[in-house]
PDB file of N, CA and C in Angstrom:
ATOM      1  N   MET A   1     -14.965  21.102  29.971  1.00  0.00           N
ATOM      2  CA  MET A   1     -13.802  21.020  29.118  1.00  0.00           C
ATOM      3  C   MET A   1     -12.585  20.840  30.028  1.00  0.00           C
ATOM      4  N   SER A   2     -11.773  19.849  29.681  1.00  0.00           N
ATOM      5  CA  SER A   2     -10.596  19.587  30.506  1.00  0.00           C
ATOM      6  C   SER A   2      -9.507  20.625  30.229  1.00  0.00           C
ATOM      7  N   THR A   3      -8.595  20.736  31.162  1.00  0.00           N
ATOM      8  CA  THR A   3      -7.506  21.705  31.040  1.00  0.00           C
ATOM      9  C   THR A   3      -6.631  21.396  29.836  1.00  0.00           C
ATOM     10  N   TRP A   4      -6.278  20.114  29.658  1.00  0.00           N
ATOM     11  CA  TRP A   4      -5.391  19.771  28.539  1.00  0.00           C
ATOM     12  C   TRP A   4      -6.066  20.035  27.207  1.00  0.00           C
ATOM     13  N   PHE A   5      -7.396  19.796  27.120  1.00  0.00           N
ATOM     14  CA  PHE A   5      -8.101  20.052  25.868  1.00  0.00           C
ATOM     15  C   PHE A   5      -8.140  21.551  25.569  1.00  0.00           C
ATOM     16  N   PHE A   6      -8.335  22.365  26.601  1.00  0.00           N
ATOM     17  CA  PHE A   6      -8.344  23.812  26.415  1.00  0.00           C
ATOM     18  C   PHE A   6      -7.013  24.293  25.841  1.00  0.00           C
ATOM     19  N   TYR A   7      -5.909  23.853  26.441  1.00  0.00           N
ATOM     20  CA  TYR A   7      -4.603  24.309  25.968  1.00  0.00           C
ATOM     21  C   TYR A   7      -4.283  23.757  24.572  1.00  0.00           C
ATOM     22  N   ASP A   8      -4.731  22.556  24.286  1.00  0.00           N
ATOM     23  CA  ASP A   8      -4.533  21.988  22.955  1.00  0.00           C
ATOM     24  C   ASP A   8      -5.327  22.789  21.924  1.00  0.00           C
ATOM     25  N   LEU A   9      -6.571  23.123  22.256  1.00  0.00           N
ATOM     26  CA  LEU A   9      -7.411  23.904  21.358  1.00  0.00           C
ATOM     27  C   LEU A   9      -6.848  25.307  21.168  1.00  0.00           C
ATOM     28  N   ARG A  10      -6.338  25.902  22.229  1.00  0.00           N
ATOM     29  CA  ARG A  10      -5.739  27.240  22.135  1.00  0.00           C
ATOM     30  C   ARG A  10      -4.511  27.223  21.223  1.00  0.00           C
ATOM     31  N   ARG A  11      -3.684  26.185  21.355  1.00  0.00           N
ATOM     32  CA  ARG A  11      -2.494  26.068  20.504  1.00  0.00           C
ATOM     33  C   ARG A  11      -2.898  25.891  19.040  1.00  0.00           C
ATOM     34  N   ARG A  12      -3.898  25.011  18.801  1.00  0.00           N
ATOM     35  CA  ARG A  12      -4.345  24.788  17.425  1.00  0.00           C
ATOM     36  C   ARG A  12      -4.956  26.055  16.837  1.00  0.00           C
ATOM     37  N   TYR A  13      -5.686  26.823  17.652  1.00  0.00           N
ATOM     38  CA  TYR A  13      -6.290  28.067  17.171  1.00  0.00           C
ATOM     39  C   TYR A  13      -5.209  29.073  16.793  1.00  0.00           C
ATOM     40  N   ALA A  14      -4.146  29.126  17.570  1.00  0.00           N
ATOM     41  CA  ALA A  14      -3.042  30.037  17.259  1.00  0.00           C
ATOM     42  C   ALA A  14      -2.355  29.636  15.952  1.00  0.00           C
ATOM     43  N   GLU A  15      -2.293  28.336  15.683  1.00  0.00           N
ATOM     44  CA  GLU A  15      -1.619  27.861  14.472  1.00  0.00           C
ATOM     45  C   GLU A  15      -2.515  27.910  13.240  1.00  0.00           C
ATOM     46  N   GLU A  16      -3.809  27.536  13.400  1.00  0.00           N
ATOM     47  CA  GLU A  16      -4.683  27.347  12.247  1.00  0.00           C
ATOM     48  C   GLU A  16      -5.808  28.366  12.134  1.00  0.00           C
ATOM     49  N   GLY A  17      -6.037  29.151  13.156  1.00  0.00           N
ATOM     50  CA  GLY A  17      -7.133  30.110  13.120  1.00  0.00           C
ATOM     51  C   GLY A  17      -8.473  29.428  13.343  1.00  0.00           C
ATOM     52  N   GLU A  18      -9.534  29.966  12.727  1.00  0.00           N
ATOM     53  CA  GLU A  18     -10.893  29.454  12.937  1.00  0.00           C
ATOM     54  C   GLU A  18     -11.061  28.014  12.462  1.00  0.00           C
ATOM     55  N   ARG A  19     -10.237  27.579  11.537  1.00  0.00           N
ATOM     56  CA  ARG A  19     -10.326  26.204  11.034  1.00  0.00           C
ATOM     57  C   ARG A  19     -10.082  25.189  12.151  1.00  0.00           C
ATOM     58  N   ALA A  20      -9.344  25.571  13.179  1.00  0.00           N
ATOM     59  CA  ALA A  20      -9.033  24.668  14.291  1.00  0.00           C
ATOM     60  C   ALA A  20     -10.267  24.340  15.121  1.00  0.00           C
ATOM     61  N   LEU A  21     -11.309  25.155  15.041  1.00  0.00           N
ATOM     62  CA  LEU A  21     -12.506  24.933  15.843  1.00  0.00           C
ATOM     63  C   LEU A  21     -13.457  23.925  15.207  1.00  0.00           C
ATOM     64  N   GLY A  22     -13.250  23.595  13.949  1.00  0.00           N
ATOM     65  CA  GLY A  22     -14.112  22.645  13.248  1.00  0.00           C
ATOM     66  C   GLY A  22     -13.773  21.207  13.598  1.00  0.00           C
ATOM     67  N   PRO A  23     -14.581  20.285  13.089  1.00  0.00           N
ATOM     68  CA  PRO A  23     -14.317  18.861  13.362  1.00  0.00           C
ATOM     69  C   PRO A  23     -13.020  18.406  12.699  1.00  0.00           C
ATOM     70  N   ARG A  24     -12.329  17.479  13.364  1.00  0.00           N
ATOM     71  CA  ARG A  24     -11.066  16.952  12.854  1.00  0.00           C
ATOM     72  C   ARG A  24     -11.220  15.460  12.587  1.00  0.00           C
ATOM     73  N   SER A  25     -10.506  14.988  11.606  1.00  0.00           N
ATOM     74  CA  SER A  25     -10.527  13.563  11.292  1.00  0.00           C
ATOM     75  C   SER A  25      -9.796  12.780  12.374  1.00  0.00           C
ATOM     76  N   ARG A  26     -10.358  11.630  12.737  1.00  0.00           N
ATOM     77  CA  ARG A  26      -9.708  10.759  13.719  1.00  0.00           C
ATOM     78  C   ARG A  26      -8.993   9.598  13.026  1.00  0.00           C
ATOM     79  N   ALA A  27      -8.986   9.627  11.698  1.00  0.00           N
ATOM     80  CA  ALA A  27      -8.348   8.549  10.937  1.00  0.00           C
ATOM     81  C   ALA A  27      -6.831   8.630  11.081  1.00  0.00           C
ATOM     82  N   PRO A  28      -6.154   7.499  10.998  1.00  0.00           N
ATOM     83  CA  PRO A  28      -4.691   7.520  11.066  1.00  0.00           C
ATOM     84  C   PRO A  28      -4.107   8.300   9.892  1.00  0.00           C
ATOM     85  N   LYS A  29      -2.981   8.937  10.118  1.00  0.00           N
ATOM     86  CA  LYS A  29      -2.332   9.739   9.072  1.00  0.00           C
ATOM     87  C   LYS A  29      -1.587   8.855   8.075  1.00  0.00           C
ATOM     88  N   THR A  30      -1.131   7.687   8.518  1.00  0.00           N
ATOM     89  CA  THR A  30      -0.415   6.760   7.645  1.00  0.00           C
ATOM     90  C   THR A  30      -0.963   5.351   7.839  1.00  0.00           C
ATOM     91  N   VAL A  31      -0.673   4.486   6.872  1.00  0.00           N
ATOM     92  CA  VAL A  31      -1.051   3.079   6.967  1.00  0.00           C
ATOM     93  C   VAL A  31       0.138   2.328   7.552  1.00  0.00           C
ATOM     94  N   ALA A  32      -0.070   1.661   8.661  1.00  0.00           N
ATOM     95  CA  ALA A  32       1.034   1.032   9.384  1.00  0.00           C
ATOM     96  C   ALA A  32       1.637  -0.147   8.636  1.00  0.00           C
ATOM     97  N   ASN A  33       0.821  -0.902   7.930  1.00  0.00           N
ATOM     98  CA  ASN A  33       1.332  -2.112   7.289  1.00  0.00           C
ATOM     99  C   ASN A  33       1.465  -1.974   5.777  1.00  0.00           C
ATOM    100  N   ARG A  34       1.631  -0.769   5.291  1.00  0.00           N
ATOM    101  CA  ARG A  34       1.795  -0.525   3.859  1.00  0.00           C
ATOM    102  C   ARG A  34       3.121  -1.103   3.382  1.00  0.00           C
ATOM    103  N   THR A  35       3.116  -1.707   2.202  1.00  0.00           N
ATOM    104  CA  THR A  35       4.334  -2.261   1.623  1.00  0.00           C
ATOM    105  C   THR A  35       5.274  -1.119   1.269  1.00  0.00           C
ATOM    106  N   ALA A  36       6.546  -1.287   1.605  1.00  0.00           N
ATOM    107  CA  ALA A  36       7.540  -0.244   1.354  1.00  0.00           C
ATOM    108  C   ALA A  36       7.647   0.043  -0.144  1.00  0.00           C
ATOM    109  N   GLU A  37       7.912   1.297  -0.460  1.00  0.00           N
ATOM    110  CA  GLU A  37       7.999   1.737  -1.855  1.00  0.00           C
ATOM    111  C   GLU A  37       9.082   0.976  -2.619  1.00  0.00           C
ATOM    112  N   TRP A  38      10.218   0.714  -1.962  1.00  0.00           N
ATOM    113  CA  TRP A  38      11.311   0.029  -2.664  1.00  0.00           C
ATOM    114  C   TRP A  38      10.938  -1.413  -3.000  1.00  0.00           C
ATOM    115  N   ILE A  39      10.100  -2.045  -2.173  1.00  0.00           N
ATOM    116  CA  ILE A  39       9.656  -3.403  -2.481  1.00  0.00           C
ATOM    117  C   ILE A  39       8.697  -3.372  -3.672  1.00  0.00           C
ATOM    118  N   GLU A  40       7.802  -2.385  -3.697  1.00  0.00           N
ATOM    119  CA  GLU A  40       6.895  -2.251  -4.836  1.00  0.00           C
ATOM    120  C   GLU A  40       7.677  -2.020  -6.121  1.00  0.00           C
ATOM    121  N   ASP A  41       8.708  -1.169  -6.056  1.00  0.00           N
ATOM    122  CA  ASP A  41       9.539  -0.919  -7.234  1.00  0.00           C
ATOM    123  C   ASP A  41      10.254  -2.191  -7.680  1.00  0.00           C
ATOM    124  N   GLU A  42      10.707  -2.991  -6.724  1.00  0.00           N
ATOM    125  CA  GLU A  42      11.385  -4.255  -7.039  1.00  0.00           C
ATOM    126  C   GLU A  42      10.415  -5.235  -7.698  1.00  0.00           C
ATOM    127  N   ILE A  43       9.177  -5.263  -7.251  1.00  0.00           N
ATOM    128  CA  ILE A  43       8.157  -6.129  -7.850  1.00  0.00           C
ATOM    129  C   ILE A  43       7.912  -5.728  -9.302  1.00  0.00           C
ATOM    130  N   VAL A  44       7.797  -4.424  -9.545  1.00  0.00           N
ATOM    131  CA  VAL A  44       7.581  -3.934 -10.908  1.00  0.00           C
ATOM    132  C   VAL A  44       8.794  -4.251 -11.782  1.00  0.00           C
ATOM    133  N   ARG A  45       9.998  -4.071 -11.239  1.00  0.00           N
ATOM    134  CA  ARG A  45      11.223  -4.362 -11.995  1.00  0.00           C
ATOM    135  C   ARG A  45      11.257  -5.840 -12.395  1.00  0.00           C
ATOM    136  N   LEU A  46      10.937  -6.723 -11.439  1.00  0.00           N
ATOM    137  CA  LEU A  46      10.924  -8.156 -11.739  1.00  0.00           C
ATOM    138  C   LEU A  46       9.851  -8.501 -12.771  1.00  0.00           C
ATOM    139  N   ARG A  47       8.689  -7.878 -12.673  1.00  0.00           N
ATOM    140  CA  ARG A  47       7.605  -8.130 -13.631  1.00  0.00           C
ATOM    141  C   ARG A  47       8.072  -7.809 -15.044  1.00  0.00           C
ATOM    142  N   LYS A  48       8.723  -6.650 -15.209  1.00  0.00           N
ATOM    143  CA  LYS A  48       9.205  -6.249 -16.534  1.00  0.00           C
ATOM    144  C   LYS A  48      10.321  -7.173 -17.019  1.00  0.00           C
ATOM    145  N   LYS A  49      11.277  -7.470 -16.135  1.00  0.00           N
ATOM    146  CA  LYS A  49      12.434  -8.295 -16.510  1.00  0.00           C
ATOM    147  C   LYS A  49      12.000  -9.699 -16.919  1.00  0.00           C
ATOM    148  N   LEU A  50      11.131 -10.326 -16.134  1.00  0.00           N
ATOM    149  CA  LEU A  50      10.670 -11.675 -16.454  1.00  0.00           C
ATOM    150  C   LEU A  50       9.895 -11.697 -17.770  1.00  0.00           C
ATOM    151  N   GLY A  51       9.084 -10.663 -18.004  1.00  0.00           N
ATOM    152  CA  GLY A  51       8.333 -10.585 -19.256  1.00  0.00           C
ATOM    153  C   GLY A  51       9.245 -10.422 -20.461  1.00  0.00           C
ATOM    154  N   GLU A  52      10.279  -9.577 -20.321  1.00  0.00           N
ATOM    155  CA  GLU A  52      11.229  -9.367 -21.419  1.00  0.00           C
ATOM    156  C   GLU A  52      12.026 -10.628 -21.714  1.00  0.00           C
ATOM    157  N   ASP A  53      12.325 -11.416 -20.675  1.00  0.00           N
ATOM    158  CA  ASP A  53      13.101 -12.647 -20.852  1.00  0.00           C
ATOM    159  C   ASP A  53      12.240 -13.821 -21.322  1.00  0.00           C
ATOM    160  N   GLY A  54      10.926 -13.606 -21.451  1.00  0.00           N
ATOM    161  CA  GLY A  54      10.038 -14.648 -21.938  1.00  0.00           C
ATOM    162  C   GLY A  54       9.550 -15.618 -20.874  1.00  0.00           C
ATOM    163  N   TRP A  55       9.722 -15.285 -19.609  1.00  0.00           N
ATOM    164  CA  TRP A  55       9.278 -16.144 -18.514  1.00  0.00           C
ATOM    165  C   TRP A  55       7.900 -15.708 -18.037  1.00  0.00           C
ATOM    166  N   ASP A  56       7.247 -16.594 -17.292  1.00  0.00           N
ATOM    167  CA  ASP A  56       5.986 -16.251 -16.645  1.00  0.00           C
ATOM    168  C   ASP A  56       6.267 -15.130 -15.651  1.00  0.00           C
ATOM    169  N   ASN A  57       5.457 -14.089 -15.675  1.00  0.00           N
ATOM    170  CA  ASN A  57       5.703 -12.960 -14.775  1.00  0.00           C
ATOM    171  C   ASN A  57       4.499 -12.669 -13.883  1.00  0.00           C
ATOM    172  N   GLY A  58       3.848 -13.729 -13.424  1.00  0.00           N
ATOM    173  CA  GLY A  58       2.718 -13.592 -12.516  1.00  0.00           C
ATOM    174  C   GLY A  58       3.171 -13.444 -11.073  1.00  0.00           C
ATOM    175  N   PRO A  59       2.228 -13.201 -10.168  1.00  0.00           N
ATOM    176  CA  PRO A  59       2.562 -12.995  -8.755  1.00  0.00           C
ATOM    177  C   PRO A  59       3.305 -14.158  -8.110  1.00  0.00           C
ATOM    178  N   ALA A  60       2.954 -15.407  -8.455  1.00  0.00           N
ATOM    179  CA  ALA A  60       3.627 -16.559  -7.840  1.00  0.00           C
ATOM    180  C   ALA A  60       5.097 -16.613  -8.249  1.00  0.00           C
ATOM    181  N   THR A  61       5.367 -16.344  -9.525  1.00  0.00           N
ATOM    182  CA  THR A  61       6.749 -16.353 -10.008  1.00  0.00           C
ATOM    183  C   THR A  61       7.540 -15.206  -9.395  1.00  0.00           C
ATOM    184  N   ILE A  62       6.926 -14.041  -9.313  1.00  0.00           N
ATOM    185  CA  ILE A  62       7.607 -12.886  -8.715  1.00  0.00           C
ATOM    186  C   ILE A  62       7.918 -13.176  -7.253  1.00  0.00           C
ATOM    187  N   TRP A  63       6.973 -13.799  -6.532  1.00  0.00           N
ATOM    188  CA  TRP A  63       7.206 -14.134  -5.127  1.00  0.00           C
ATOM    189  C   TRP A  63       8.395 -15.082  -4.990  1.00  0.00           C
ATOM    190  N   THR A  64       8.478 -16.070  -5.882  1.00  0.00           N
ATOM    191  CA  THR A  64       9.590 -17.027  -5.838  1.00  0.00           C
ATOM    192  C   THR A  64      10.920 -16.325  -6.073  1.00  0.00           C
ATOM    193  N   HIS A  65      10.965 -15.417  -7.034  1.00  0.00           N
ATOM    194  CA  HIS A  65      12.205 -14.680  -7.307  1.00  0.00           C
ATOM    195  C   HIS A  65      12.579 -13.776  -6.135  1.00  0.00           C
ATOM    196  N   LEU A  66      11.594 -13.147  -5.515  1.00  0.00           N
ATOM    197  CA  LEU A  66      11.880 -12.313  -4.339  1.00  0.00           C
ATOM    198  C   LEU A  66      12.422 -13.165  -3.197  1.00  0.00           C
ATOM    199  N   ARG A  67      11.850 -14.355  -3.004  1.00  0.00           N
ATOM    200  CA  ARG A  67      12.320 -15.255  -1.955  1.00  0.00           C
ATOM    201  C   ARG A  67      13.771 -15.662  -2.201  1.00  0.00           C
ATOM    202  N   ASP A  68      14.122 -15.891  -3.467  1.00  0.00           N
ATOM    203  CA  ASP A  68      15.492 -16.283  -3.798  1.00  0.00           C
ATOM    204  C   ASP A  68      16.477 -15.128  -3.625  1.00  0.00           C
ATOM    205  N   GLU A  69      16.021 -13.888  -3.876  1.00  0.00           N
ATOM    206  CA  GLU A  69      16.913 -12.724  -3.798  1.00  0.00           C
ATOM    207  C   GLU A  69      17.134 -12.239  -2.370  1.00  0.00           C
ATOM    208  N   PHE A  70      16.099 -12.324  -1.533  1.00  0.00           N
ATOM    209  CA  PHE A  70      16.186 -11.778  -0.185  1.00  0.00           C
ATOM    210  C   PHE A  70      16.234 -12.909   0.832  1.00  0.00           C
ATOM    211  N   ALA A  71      17.110 -12.758   1.816  1.00  0.00           N
ATOM    212  CA  ALA A  71      17.311 -13.820   2.806  1.00  0.00           C
ATOM    213  C   ALA A  71      16.142 -13.920   3.789  1.00  0.00           C
ATOM    214  N   VAL A  72      15.520 -12.799   4.124  1.00  0.00           N
ATOM    215  CA  VAL A  72      14.461 -12.788   5.134  1.00  0.00           C
ATOM    216  C   VAL A  72      13.105 -12.897   4.440  1.00  0.00           C
ATOM    217  N   GLU A  73      12.449 -14.060   4.604  1.00  0.00           N
ATOM    218  CA  GLU A  73      11.175 -14.286   3.931  1.00  0.00           C
ATOM    219  C   GLU A  73      10.051 -13.438   4.506  1.00  0.00           C
ATOM    220  N   SER A  74      10.198 -12.990   5.741  1.00  0.00           N
ATOM    221  CA  SER A  74       9.131 -12.209   6.367  1.00  0.00           C
ATOM    222  C   SER A  74       8.975 -10.835   5.725  1.00  0.00           C
ATOM    223  N   ASP A  75      10.000 -10.351   5.018  1.00  0.00           N
ATOM    224  CA  ASP A  75       9.914  -9.049   4.356  1.00  0.00           C
ATOM    225  C   ASP A  75       9.220  -9.128   3.002  1.00  0.00           C
ATOM    226  N   ILE A  76       8.988 -10.344   2.510  1.00  0.00           N
ATOM    227  CA  ILE A  76       8.410 -10.525   1.184  1.00  0.00           C
ATOM    228  C   ILE A  76       6.889 -10.506   1.303  1.00  0.00           C
ATOM    229  N   PRO A  77       6.213  -9.660   0.509  1.00  0.00           N
ATOM    230  CA  PRO A  77       4.750  -9.646   0.564  1.00  0.00           C
ATOM    231  C   PRO A  77       4.170 -10.928  -0.034  1.00  0.00           C
ATOM    232  N   SER A  78       2.943 -11.227   0.328  1.00  0.00           N
ATOM    233  CA  SER A  78       2.279 -12.429  -0.174  1.00  0.00           C
ATOM    234  C   SER A  78       1.957 -12.277  -1.660  1.00  0.00           C
ATOM    235  N   GLU A  79       1.584 -13.401  -2.283  1.00  0.00           N
ATOM    236  CA  GLU A  79       1.213 -13.355  -3.698  1.00  0.00           C
ATOM    237  C   GLU A  79       0.013 -12.432  -3.911  1.00  0.00           C
ATOM    238  N   ALA A  80      -0.941 -12.455  -2.977  1.00  0.00           N
ATOM    239  CA  ALA A  80      -2.122 -11.592  -3.101  1.00  0.00           C
ATOM    240  C   ALA A  80      -1.724 -10.118  -3.047  1.00  0.00           C
ATOM    241  N   THR A  81      -0.778  -9.786  -2.176  1.00  0.00           N
ATOM    242  CA  THR A  81      -0.308  -8.402  -2.084  1.00  0.00           C
ATOM    243  C   THR A  81       0.426  -8.012  -3.356  1.00  0.00           C
ATOM    244  N   ILE A  82       1.229  -8.925  -3.892  1.00  0.00           N
ATOM    245  CA  ILE A  82       1.929  -8.646  -5.151  1.00  0.00           C
ATOM    246  C   ILE A  82       0.913  -8.397  -6.256  1.00  0.00           C
ATOM    247  N   TRP A  83      -0.162  -9.184  -6.294  1.00  0.00           N
ATOM    248  CA  TRP A  83      -1.213  -8.987  -7.294  1.00  0.00           C
ATOM    249  C   TRP A  83      -1.846  -7.602  -7.136  1.00  0.00           C
ATOM    250  N   ARG A  84      -2.140  -7.207  -5.894  1.00  0.00           N
ATOM    251  CA  ARG A  84      -2.748  -5.889  -5.657  1.00  0.00           C
ATOM    252  C   ARG A  84      -1.806  -4.761  -6.073  1.00  0.00           C
ATOM    253  N   ILE A  85      -0.508  -4.921  -5.800  1.00  0.00           N
ATOM    254  CA  ILE A  85       0.476  -3.898  -6.187  1.00  0.00           C
ATOM    255  C   ILE A  85       0.518  -3.769  -7.704  1.00  0.00           C
ATOM    256  N   LEU A  86       0.581  -4.902  -8.406  1.00  0.00           N
ATOM    257  CA  LEU A  86       0.631  -4.867  -9.870  1.00  0.00           C
ATOM    258  C   LEU A  86      -0.654  -4.283 -10.450  1.00  0.00           C
ATOM    259  N   THR A  87      -1.787  -4.574  -9.828  1.00  0.00           N
ATOM    260  CA  THR A  87      -3.054  -4.005 -10.280  1.00  0.00           C
ATOM    261  C   THR A  87      -3.071  -2.495 -10.063  1.00  0.00           C
ATOM    262  N   ARG A  88      -2.627  -2.053  -8.890  1.00  0.00           N
ATOM    263  CA  ARG A  88      -2.602  -0.625  -8.576  1.00  0.00           C
ATOM    264  C   ARG A  88      -1.667   0.132  -9.514  1.00  0.00           C
ATOM    265  N   ARG A  89      -0.558  -0.492  -9.905  1.00  0.00           N
ATOM    266  CA  ARG A  89       0.419   0.142 -10.795  1.00  0.00           C
ATOM    267  C   ARG A  89       0.052   0.003 -12.278  1.00  0.00           C
ATOM    268  N   GLY A  90      -1.050  -0.695 -12.582  1.00  0.00           N
ATOM    269  CA  GLY A  90      -1.536  -0.781 -13.957  1.00  0.00           C
ATOM    270  C   GLY A  90      -0.960  -1.918 -14.782  1.00  0.00           C
ATOM    271  N   PHE A  91      -0.331  -2.908 -14.168  1.00  0.00           N
ATOM    272  CA  PHE A  91       0.232  -4.030 -14.905  1.00  0.00           C
ATOM    273  C   PHE A  91      -0.755  -5.179 -15.070  1.00  0.00           C
ATOM    274  N   ILE A  92      -1.805  -5.204 -14.281  1.00  0.00           N
ATOM    275  CA  ILE A  92      -2.831  -6.239 -14.368  1.00  0.00           C
ATOM    276  C   ILE A  92      -4.184  -5.542 -14.457  1.00  0.00           C
ATOM    277  N   THR A  93      -4.989  -5.968 -15.430  1.00  0.00           N
ATOM    278  CA  THR A  93      -6.354  -5.478 -15.528  1.00  0.00           C
ATOM    279  C   THR A  93      -7.269  -6.601 -15.060  1.00  0.00           C
ATOM    280  N   PRO A  94      -7.905  -6.444 -13.903  1.00  0.00           N
ATOM    281  CA  PRO A  94      -8.751  -7.525 -13.395  1.00  0.00           C
ATOM    282  C   PRO A  94      -9.931  -7.791 -14.322  1.00  0.00           C
ATOM    283  N   GLU A  95     -10.309  -9.061 -14.398  1.00  0.00           N
ATOM    284  CA  GLU A  95     -11.472  -9.418 -15.199  1.00  0.00           C
ATOM    285  C   GLU A  95     -12.730  -8.932 -14.487  1.00  0.00           C
ATOM    286  N   PRO A  96     -13.767  -8.604 -15.266  1.00  0.00           N
ATOM    287  CA  PRO A  96     -15.004  -8.151 -14.618  1.00  0.00           C
ATOM    288  C   PRO A  96     -15.602  -9.252 -13.752  1.00  0.00           C
ATOM    289  N   LYS A  97     -16.312  -8.838 -12.727  1.00  0.00           N
ATOM    290  CA  LYS A  97     -16.952  -9.788 -11.822  1.00  0.00           C
ATOM    291  C   LYS A  97     -18.003 -10.589 -12.589  1.00  0.00           C
ATOM    292  N   LYS A  98     -18.090 -11.856 -12.265  1.00  0.00           N
ATOM    293  CA  LYS A  98     -19.072 -12.723 -12.914  1.00  0.00           C
ATOM    294  C   LYS A  98     -20.454 -12.485 -12.298  1.00  0.00           C
ATOM    295  N   ALA A  99     -21.478 -12.598 -13.117  1.00  0.00           N
ATOM    296  CA  ALA A  99     -22.847 -12.456 -12.619  1.00  0.00           C
ATOM    297  C   ALA A  99     -23.190 -13.683 -11.780  1.00  0.00           C
ATOM    298  N   PRO A 100     -23.884 -13.506 -10.663  1.00  0.00           N
ATOM    299  CA  PRO A 100     -24.233 -14.661  -9.829  1.00  0.00           C
ATOM    300  C   PRO A 100     -25.203 -15.589 -10.553  1.00  0.00           C
ATOM    301  N   LYS A 101     -25.059 -16.892 -10.308  1.00  0.00           N
ATOM    302  CA  LYS A 101     -25.972 -17.876 -10.894  1.00  0.00           C
ATOM    303  C   LYS A 101     -27.238 -17.929 -10.051  1.00  0.00           C
ATOM    304  N   HIS A 102     -28.368 -18.020 -10.723  1.00  0.00           N
ATOM    305  CA  HIS A 102     -29.646 -18.066  -9.996  1.00  0.00           C
ATOM    306  C   HIS A 102     -30.213 -19.429 -10.025  1.00  0.00           C
TER     307      HIS A 102
END
């Protein structure tokens, strides 16, 4: 056992007790490329507004409106990401998968 691991384990034991001796997850605590919450909220706002105004409110249209509103195109998520956000928020119900042809 290395010296640094011993002191790290001792510190964790002092903070967490016996739970510190168990296995720990090595997974990242956050997702690095997650779309910002304010962008997701803006996508939902545009979806509702376009629908109320009688316009097409699909991902391609939302992407176009975001591109027109924001100067930096690199901050705008792709159409596929917009679709996933709308699906996650309950605005799109995906169609069931088709059975493979034999």
